[in-house]
Amino acid sequence: MEDIAKAIGVSKNAVSLALRGKDGVGEELRERIIAKAREMGYGQEKQASQYILALIPRRNTHLLDGMFYQQVCFHMESYARSKGYLLTICSVSEEEEKACRPHPMLNQMPFQGVATIGNLSKEYCMLYRSCGIKYLMVDQYYDDIPVDSITTANTSATYMLTKHLIEKGHKKIQYIGSRKRTSSLYDRLRGYRQAMEDHGFPVLTNSYVEADNRDNLDDYSLLKTALDEMEELPTAFVCGHDVTAKQLIDILSAKGLSCPRDFSVVGFDDIQIPEISPLNLTTYRTPKAAIAQASIDCLTQNAGRPPQKLELYGELIHRGSVRDIR
């Protein structure tokens, strides 16, 4: 690493960050460092099976909504390193995704496998199915793309969250999450619907559920519109994400309503950051570390077996955002 740093004129730490796919160096410098490393034979003693590429949509890397993906990537890098693998994490721009161009990093290192993490388009994901190396989808799947995928058990999770609200006496419950945004959010809607139907209560809908906001539209405005359109508010909400729960509470608080006095809310993911933690949300803790470990194992083991869809259970976390109205 020291030789590479001297050749380019950067610090040894910058070289280390670039080769490990960490933040702290720009994309242009990262590519220069990797190109110089290949030129100087760095890591040639490693086999292709020791390199893994993780790709995450750039729109999923902003602070709040991207916390789940950031934590999964952290656990993936840590677990991969413990197993002797080098994980490179790169973002995918909307331009690259729409143009259906394979990530340029594929030409820089001899990767054994690629994992796409988050809501990338079907056309873009199809590129990696035919690129000649092992491919995995994390927190996403397409029914008509037969590749390995690993997600939270989303349908079961929202079934349990909705059942919890019903057991607390709630009968009028709304699901808040765009079903068109990701397969995970659609599966969470399915869990809500199934729980309501199984318990004999009406499935409610709203404009936010039907909003096609995959392209980073203003979620807050879409949610505010959906709430304003409701003639009567439900007693409880099942939110597809903790961030959505926060936005909902903010909007209704501005109208003078208080959680859980006037309405109950459950979230999803259990994001522990200052913006979310004070809300004391009842939520579903996604198994981030388990997803990360299963992802690395999938890309490095069981070569030649048929593709599989793996769903991992998390844990329902009871806090103070649900009122018992029995």
Protein backbone atom coordinates (compact mmCIF):
# COMPACT_ATOMS: atom_id res chain seq x y z
CA MET A 1 0.00 0.00 0.00
CA GLU A 2 2.85 2.35 0.79
CA ASP A 3 4.27 1.94 -2.75
CA ILE A 4 0.88 2.72 -4.28
CA ALA A 5 0.50 5.79 -2.06
CA LYS A 6 3.92 7.11 -3.10
CA ALA A 7 3.28 6.46 -6.80
CA ILE A 8 0.03 8.48 -6.76
CA GLY A 9 1.02 11.03 -4.14
CA VAL A 10 -1.68 10.28 -1.57
CA SER A 11 -1.68 8.95 1.97
CA LYS A 12 -1.49 5.27 2.81
CA ASN A 13 -4.83 5.66 4.58
CA ALA A 14 -6.45 6.91 1.35
CA VAL A 15 -5.16 3.83 -0.48
CA SER A 16 -6.53 1.57 2.25
CA LEU A 17 -9.96 3.25 2.11
CA ALA A 18 -10.11 2.99 -1.68
CA LEU A 19 -9.12 -0.68 -1.84
CA ARG A 20 -11.61 -1.61 0.88
CA GLY A 21 -14.49 0.33 -0.70
CA LYS A 22 -14.81 2.71 2.24
CA ASP A 23 -15.99 6.33 2.28
CA GLY A 24 -13.42 9.10 2.53
CA VAL A 25 -12.09 9.19 -1.02
CA GLY A 26 -13.75 10.48 -4.18
CA GLU A 27 -14.80 8.11 -6.97
CA GLU A 28 -12.20 9.48 -9.39
CA LEU A 29 -9.36 9.03 -6.89
CA ARG A 30 -10.65 5.58 -5.94
CA GLU A 31 -10.50 4.44 -9.57
CA ARG A 32 -6.95 5.87 -9.95
CA ILE A 33 -5.81 4.01 -6.85
CA ILE A 34 -7.37 0.72 -7.95
CA ALA A 35 -5.92 1.07 -11.44
CA LYS A 36 -2.44 1.74 -10.01
CA ALA A 37 -2.82 -1.22 -7.64
CA ARG A 38 -3.54 -3.52 -10.55
CA GLU A 39 -0.68 -2.05 -12.54
CA MET A 40 1.72 -2.68 -9.66
CA GLY A 41 0.42 -6.21 -9.08
CA TYR A 42 -1.10 -5.50 -5.68
CA GLY A 43 -3.16 -8.46 -4.53
CA GLN A 44 -2.33 -10.67 -7.51
CA GLU A 45 -1.58 -13.43 -5.08
CA LYS A 46 -5.25 -13.37 -4.19
CA GLN A 47 -7.61 -15.49 -6.23
CA ALA A 48 -10.78 -14.11 -7.85
CA SER A 49 -12.78 -15.91 -5.16
CA GLN A 50 -11.51 -13.41 -2.59
CA TYR A 51 -13.14 -10.31 -4.13
CA ILE A 52 -16.83 -9.39 -3.81
CA LEU A 53 -18.62 -6.30 -5.16
CA ALA A 54 -21.63 -4.72 -3.42
CA LEU A 55 -23.68 -2.15 -5.35
CA ILE A 56 -26.18 0.20 -3.72
CA PRO A 57 -28.36 2.81 -5.48
CA ARG A 58 -27.06 6.30 -4.75
CA ARG A 59 -30.59 7.46 -3.89
CA ASN A 60 -30.57 4.99 -0.95
CA THR A 61 -27.45 6.45 0.65
CA HIS A 62 -28.91 9.61 2.22
CA LEU A 63 -28.91 9.76 6.01
CA LEU A 64 -32.30 8.53 7.19
CA ASP A 65 -33.70 6.24 4.50
CA GLY A 66 -30.26 4.77 3.89
CA MET A 67 -29.49 3.72 7.46
CA PHE A 68 -30.67 0.15 6.88
CA TYR A 69 -28.42 -0.22 3.83
CA GLN A 70 -25.45 1.41 5.54
CA GLN A 71 -25.70 -1.00 8.45
CA VAL A 72 -26.09 -4.05 6.20
CA CYS A 73 -23.01 -2.95 4.22
CA PHE A 74 -21.04 -2.45 7.43
CA HIS A 75 -21.88 -5.97 8.62
CA MET A 76 -21.14 -7.43 5.18
CA GLU A 77 -17.68 -5.84 5.04
CA SER A 78 -16.84 -6.94 8.57
CA TYR A 79 -18.02 -10.53 8.05
CA ALA A 80 -16.35 -10.81 4.63
CA ARG A 81 -13.05 -9.66 6.11
CA SER A 82 -13.32 -12.23 8.91
CA LYS A 83 -13.66 -14.92 6.24
CA GLY A 84 -10.69 -13.69 4.21
CA TYR A 85 -12.62 -11.83 1.51
CA LEU A 86 -12.34 -8.24 0.32
CA LEU A 87 -15.68 -6.46 -0.12
CA THR A 88 -15.78 -3.38 -2.34
CA ILE A 89 -18.87 -1.18 -1.86
CA CYS A 90 -19.86 1.21 -4.66
CA SER A 91 -22.90 3.37 -5.40
CA VAL A 92 -24.90 3.22 -8.62
CA SER A 93 -25.97 6.57 -10.08
CA GLU A 94 -29.42 7.01 -11.61
CA GLU A 95 -27.70 7.71 -14.94
CA GLU A 96 -25.85 4.37 -14.82
CA GLU A 97 -29.03 2.56 -13.82
CA LYS A 98 -31.20 4.08 -16.56
CA ALA A 99 -28.51 3.48 -19.19
CA CYS A 100 -28.20 -0.15 -18.02
CA ARG A 101 -24.43 0.07 -17.92
CA PRO A 102 -22.55 -2.46 -15.76
CA HIS A 103 -20.62 -0.77 -12.99
CA PRO A 104 -17.10 0.17 -14.18
CA MET A 105 -15.60 -1.46 -11.09
CA LEU A 106 -16.27 -4.84 -12.71
CA ASN A 107 -13.41 -4.09 -15.09
CA GLN A 108 -11.03 -3.16 -12.28
CA MET A 109 -10.98 -6.30 -10.11
CA PRO A 110 -11.54 -10.06 -10.63
CA PHE A 111 -14.77 -10.34 -8.62
CA GLN A 112 -16.27 -13.70 -7.80
CA GLY A 113 -19.68 -12.31 -6.99
CA VAL A 114 -21.88 -9.22 -7.10
CA ALA A 115 -24.61 -8.22 -4.65
CA THR A 116 -27.09 -5.46 -5.48
CA ILE A 117 -28.57 -3.97 -2.32
CA GLY A 118 -31.87 -2.07 -2.49
CA ASN A 119 -34.32 -0.98 -5.13
CA LEU A 120 -32.56 -1.14 -8.48
CA SER A 121 -34.59 -1.53 -11.68
CA LYS A 122 -35.34 -4.92 -13.17
CA GLU A 123 -33.47 -4.06 -16.37
CA TYR A 124 -30.35 -3.09 -14.43
CA CYS A 125 -30.45 -6.24 -12.28
CA MET A 126 -30.76 -8.41 -15.39
CA LEU A 127 -27.28 -7.22 -16.43
CA TYR A 128 -25.66 -9.08 -13.56
CA ARG A 129 -27.57 -12.30 -14.04
CA SER A 130 -25.70 -12.76 -17.33
CA CYS A 131 -22.30 -11.32 -16.39
CA GLY A 132 -20.70 -14.70 -15.73
CA ILE A 133 -20.20 -14.39 -11.97
CA LYS A 134 -22.41 -15.20 -9.01
CA TYR A 135 -25.18 -12.66 -8.44
CA LEU A 136 -27.33 -11.93 -5.38
CA MET A 137 -30.13 -9.47 -4.65
CA VAL A 138 -30.30 -8.13 -1.08
CA ASP A 139 -33.55 -6.59 0.27
CA GLN A 140 -35.10 -6.99 -3.17
CA TYR A 141 -36.26 -9.64 -5.60
CA TYR A 142 -38.14 -9.97 -8.88
CA ASP A 143 -40.39 -12.99 -9.33
CA ASP A 144 -39.33 -13.37 -12.97
CA ILE A 145 -35.55 -13.13 -12.36
CA PRO A 146 -34.46 -16.51 -10.94
CA VAL A 147 -31.41 -15.52 -8.89
CA ASP A 148 -30.51 -15.77 -5.21
CA SER A 149 -32.20 -13.18 -3.00
CA ILE A 150 -32.13 -12.44 0.73
CA THR A 151 -34.71 -10.27 2.49
CA THR A 152 -36.37 -9.78 5.83
CA ALA A 153 -39.50 -11.90 6.29
CA ASN A 154 -41.49 -8.78 5.44
CA THR A 155 -44.97 -10.27 5.05
CA SER A 156 -44.77 -12.15 8.35
CA ALA A 157 -43.35 -9.06 10.06
CA THR A 158 -46.20 -6.70 9.16
CA TYR A 159 -48.71 -9.45 9.88
CA MET A 160 -47.33 -9.56 13.43
CA LEU A 161 -47.29 -5.76 13.73
CA THR A 162 -50.90 -5.48 12.53
CA LYS A 163 -52.01 -8.33 14.79
CA HIS A 164 -50.37 -6.51 17.72
CA LEU A 165 -52.48 -3.42 17.00
CA ILE A 166 -55.64 -5.53 16.69
CA GLU A 167 -54.89 -7.18 20.04
CA LYS A 168 -54.74 -3.66 21.54
CA GLY A 169 -58.30 -3.01 20.34
CA HIS A 170 -57.64 -1.27 17.02
CA LYS A 171 -60.00 -2.11 14.16
CA LYS A 172 -59.49 0.83 11.79
CA ILE A 173 -55.85 0.56 10.71
CA GLN A 174 -54.08 2.06 7.69
CA TYR A 175 -50.90 0.82 6.02
CA ILE A 176 -48.53 3.63 5.00
CA GLY A 177 -45.91 2.62 2.43
CA SER A 178 -45.58 2.80 -1.34
CA ARG A 179 -46.23 -0.68 -2.72
CA LYS A 180 -44.55 0.24 -6.03
CA ARG A 181 -41.26 1.37 -4.54
CA THR A 182 -39.66 -1.94 -3.57
CA SER A 183 -40.63 -5.60 -3.35
CA SER A 184 -40.07 -5.35 0.42
CA LEU A 185 -42.66 -2.58 0.83
CA TYR A 186 -45.14 -4.52 -1.31
CA ASP A 187 -44.64 -7.62 0.85
CA ARG A 188 -45.20 -5.51 3.97
CA LEU A 189 -48.50 -4.35 2.48
CA ARG A 190 -49.44 -8.00 1.90
CA GLY A 191 -48.79 -8.82 5.55
CA TYR A 192 -51.05 -5.96 6.70
CA ARG A 193 -53.80 -7.03 4.30
CA GLN A 194 -53.65 -10.67 5.37
CA ALA A 195 -53.83 -9.80 9.07
CA MET A 196 -56.82 -7.50 8.56
CA GLU A 197 -58.65 -10.09 6.45
CA ASP A 198 -57.89 -12.94 8.87
CA HIS A 199 -59.37 -10.92 11.74
CA GLY A 200 -62.44 -9.78 9.80
CA PHE A 201 -61.58 -6.07 9.53
CA PRO A 202 -61.70 -3.93 6.37
CA VAL A 203 -58.49 -3.34 4.43
CA LEU A 204 -58.10 0.44 4.08
CA THR A 205 -56.23 2.16 1.27
CA ASN A 206 -54.84 5.61 0.59
CA SER A 207 -53.08 7.53 -2.17
CA TYR A 208 -49.64 7.07 -0.57
CA VAL A 209 -49.85 3.29 -0.98
CA GLU A 210 -50.48 3.72 -4.69
CA ALA A 211 -47.90 6.48 -5.25
CA ASP A 212 -45.13 5.57 -7.68
CA ASN A 213 -42.34 7.30 -5.75
CA ARG A 214 -39.44 5.04 -6.76
CA ASP A 215 -37.72 8.00 -8.40
CA ASN A 216 -37.09 9.92 -5.17
CA LEU A 217 -40.20 12.09 -5.22
CA ASP A 218 -41.02 14.10 -2.13
CA ASP A 219 -42.29 11.42 0.28
CA TYR A 220 -43.30 14.00 2.88
CA SER A 221 -45.60 15.86 0.46
CA LEU A 222 -47.12 12.61 -0.84
CA LEU A 223 -47.83 11.46 2.70
CA LYS A 224 -49.27 14.81 3.76
CA THR A 225 -51.62 14.75 0.78
CA ALA A 226 -52.74 11.20 1.60
CA LEU A 227 -53.48 12.14 5.21
CA ASP A 228 -55.33 15.32 4.20
CA GLU A 229 -57.52 13.22 1.87
CA MET A 230 -58.71 10.92 4.68
CA GLU A 231 -62.20 11.90 5.79
CA GLU A 232 -61.58 10.24 9.13
CA LEU A 233 -58.25 9.19 10.56
CA PRO A 234 -57.79 5.57 11.63
CA THR A 235 -56.91 4.79 15.21
CA ALA A 236 -53.61 3.21 14.15
CA PHE A 237 -51.05 3.13 11.33
CA VAL A 238 -48.68 0.40 10.17
CA CYS A 239 -45.74 2.17 8.50
CA GLY A 240 -43.44 0.46 6.02
CA HIS A 241 -40.39 2.20 7.48
CA ASP A 242 -39.39 4.03 10.66
CA VAL A 243 -38.67 7.15 8.57
CA THR A 244 -42.24 7.06 7.25
CA ALA A 245 -43.51 6.73 10.82
CA LYS A 246 -41.49 9.80 11.82
CA GLN A 247 -42.91 11.81 8.90
CA LEU A 248 -46.45 10.73 9.78
CA ILE A 249 -46.02 11.73 13.43
CA ASP A 250 -44.55 15.11 12.37
CA ILE A 251 -47.46 15.83 10.02
CA LEU A 252 -50.17 14.89 12.52
CA SER A 253 -48.38 16.69 15.36
CA ALA A 254 -48.55 19.88 13.28
CA LYS A 255 -52.33 19.40 13.31
CA GLY A 256 -52.34 19.27 17.10
CA LEU A 257 -52.55 15.48 17.40
CA SER A 258 -50.35 13.42 19.70
CA CYS A 259 -49.01 9.87 19.52
CA PRO A 260 -50.17 7.62 21.16
CA ARG A 261 -52.96 9.69 22.75
CA ASP A 262 -54.77 10.41 19.47
CA PHE A 263 -53.34 7.72 17.18
CA SER A 264 -51.05 4.71 17.41
CA VAL A 265 -48.11 4.00 15.08
CA VAL A 266 -45.80 1.05 14.42
CA GLY A 267 -42.69 1.35 12.27
CA PHE A 268 -40.24 -0.98 10.57
CA ASP A 269 -36.43 -1.46 10.76
CA ASP A 270 -35.70 -0.20 14.31
CA ILE A 271 -33.39 2.63 13.25
CA GLN A 272 -31.56 3.98 16.30
CA ILE A 273 -30.54 7.55 15.45
CA PRO A 274 -31.35 10.87 17.18
CA GLU A 275 -34.09 11.73 14.69
CA ILE A 276 -35.99 8.50 15.37
CA SER A 277 -35.14 7.27 18.88
CA PRO A 278 -37.10 9.94 20.86
CA LEU A 279 -40.32 8.79 19.16
CA ASN A 280 -40.25 5.60 21.27
CA LEU A 281 -41.59 3.62 18.30
CA THR A 282 -42.96 0.14 18.50
CA THR A 283 -41.32 -1.38 15.43
CA TYR A 284 -39.85 -4.48 13.78
CA ARG A 285 -36.10 -4.94 14.14
CA THR A 286 -34.75 -6.22 10.84
CA PRO A 287 -31.97 -8.86 11.10
CA LYS A 288 -29.28 -6.70 9.49
CA ALA A 289 -26.26 -8.70 10.68
CA ALA A 290 -27.89 -12.01 9.74
CA ILE A 291 -28.77 -10.69 6.27
CA ALA A 292 -25.19 -9.54 5.81
CA GLN A 293 -23.67 -12.84 6.88
CA ALA A 294 -26.09 -14.88 4.77
CA SER A 295 -25.26 -12.65 1.78
CA ILE A 296 -21.51 -13.28 2.03
CA ASP A 297 -22.07 -17.00 2.58
CA CYS A 298 -24.37 -17.14 -0.45
CA LEU A 299 -21.75 -15.51 -2.69
CA THR A 300 -18.90 -17.70 -1.47
CA GLN A 301 -20.52 -21.10 -0.92
CA ASN A 302 -22.89 -23.61 -2.53
CA ALA A 303 -21.72 -23.12 -6.11
CA GLY A 304 -23.90 -24.88 -8.67
CA ARG A 305 -27.09 -25.19 -6.64
CA PRO A 306 -30.43 -23.78 -7.91
CA PRO A 307 -31.23 -20.15 -6.96
CA GLN A 308 -33.09 -19.68 -3.71
CA LYS A 309 -35.17 -16.97 -2.06
CA LEU A 310 -34.23 -16.62 1.61
CA GLU A 311 -36.37 -14.70 4.11
CA LEU A 312 -34.97 -14.04 7.59
CA TYR A 313 -37.01 -13.24 10.68
CA GLY A 314 -36.27 -10.27 12.92
CA GLU A 315 -37.94 -9.23 16.15
CA LEU A 316 -41.01 -7.20 17.12
CA ILE A 317 -39.87 -4.43 19.49
CA HIS A 318 -42.53 -3.15 21.91
CA ARG A 319 -42.19 0.49 22.94
CA GLY A 320 -44.56 3.36 23.66
CA SER A 321 -46.22 4.39 20.37
CA VAL A 322 -49.23 2.06 20.67
CA ARG A 323 -52.22 2.84 22.88
CA ASP A 324 -54.40 0.08 24.30
CA ILE A 325 -58.00 1.07 23.47
CA ARG A 326 -59.76 -2.12 24.51
